[in-house]
């Protein structure tokens, strides 16, 4: 009977969920993906912002000199 209780207790103590290492790997893949996206689309996004900034004149802004 004690053996059955020990086996039941051992079964309950098994690792069921993801460990911190697995979460770290997932976060690493997400970060690597975001960096790759920035390298691919970064220059195009920068061109869009620079184009928008170049079109703004002092008369268009709400700050008066």
Protein backbone atom coordinates (compact mmCIF):
# COMPACT_ATOMS: atom_id res chain seq x y z
CA UNK A 1 0.00 0.00 0.00
CA UNK A 2 2.82 2.39 0.84
CA UNK A 3 4.37 1.70 -2.58
CA UNK A 4 1.12 2.77 -4.26
CA UNK A 5 1.08 6.00 -2.26
CA UNK A 6 4.71 6.70 -3.18
CA UNK A 7 4.00 6.09 -6.86
CA UNK A 8 0.96 8.36 -6.70
CA UNK A 9 3.02 11.09 -5.01
CA UNK A 10 5.78 10.72 -7.61
CA UNK A 11 3.24 10.99 -10.39
CA UNK A 12 1.89 14.25 -8.95
CA UNK A 13 5.35 15.80 -8.68
CA UNK A 14 6.27 15.38 -12.33
CA UNK A 15 6.90 18.49 -14.37
CA UNK A 16 3.72 19.16 -16.31
CA UNK A 17 4.14 22.67 -17.62
CA UNK A 18 6.78 24.62 -19.44
CA UNK A 19 9.94 25.40 -17.53
CA UNK A 20 11.74 28.72 -17.39
CA UNK A 21 14.20 27.45 -20.00
CA UNK A 22 11.41 26.79 -22.46
CA UNK A 23 9.93 30.24 -21.84
CA UNK A 24 13.38 31.77 -22.38
CA UNK A 25 13.71 29.94 -25.71
CA UNK A 26 10.28 31.15 -26.82
CA UNK A 27 11.18 34.74 -25.90
CA UNK A 28 14.49 34.39 -27.72
CA UNK A 29 12.74 33.27 -30.90
CA UNK A 30 10.26 36.15 -30.64
CA UNK A 31 13.05 38.69 -30.16
CA UNK A 32 15.04 37.21 -33.04
CA UNK A 33 11.95 37.44 -35.25
CA UNK A 34 11.35 41.07 -34.33
CA UNK A 35 14.97 41.95 -35.03
CA UNK A 36 14.76 40.22 -38.41
CA UNK A 37 11.58 42.15 -39.25
CA UNK A 38 13.27 45.43 -38.31
CA UNK A 39 16.26 44.64 -40.51
CA UNK A 40 13.99 43.79 -43.44
CA UNK A 41 11.47 46.62 -43.12
CA UNK A 42 13.57 49.16 -41.20
CA UNK A 43 14.93 51.10 -44.18
CA UNK A 44 11.47 51.42 -45.75
CA UNK A 45 9.97 52.64 -42.48
CA UNK A 46 12.82 55.14 -42.03
CA UNK A 47 12.25 56.48 -45.55
CA UNK A 48 8.56 57.00 -44.80
CA UNK A 49 9.30 58.91 -41.58
CA UNK A 50 12.01 60.99 -43.23
CA UNK A 51 9.69 61.82 -46.11
CA UNK A 52 6.98 62.92 -43.69
CA UNK A 53 9.45 65.00 -41.67
CA UNK A 54 10.80 66.68 -44.80
CA UNK A 55 7.29 67.78 -45.78
CA UNK A 56 6.63 69.53 -42.47
CA UNK A 57 7.47 73.21 -42.55
CA UNK A 58 7.63 75.61 -39.59
CA UNK A 59 4.27 77.00 -40.69
CA UNK A 60 2.75 73.51 -40.34
CA UNK A 61 3.86 73.10 -36.75
CA UNK A 62 2.13 74.52 -33.72
CA UNK A 63 5.38 75.81 -32.23
CA UNK A 64 6.05 79.44 -33.02
CA UNK A 65 9.61 80.79 -32.97
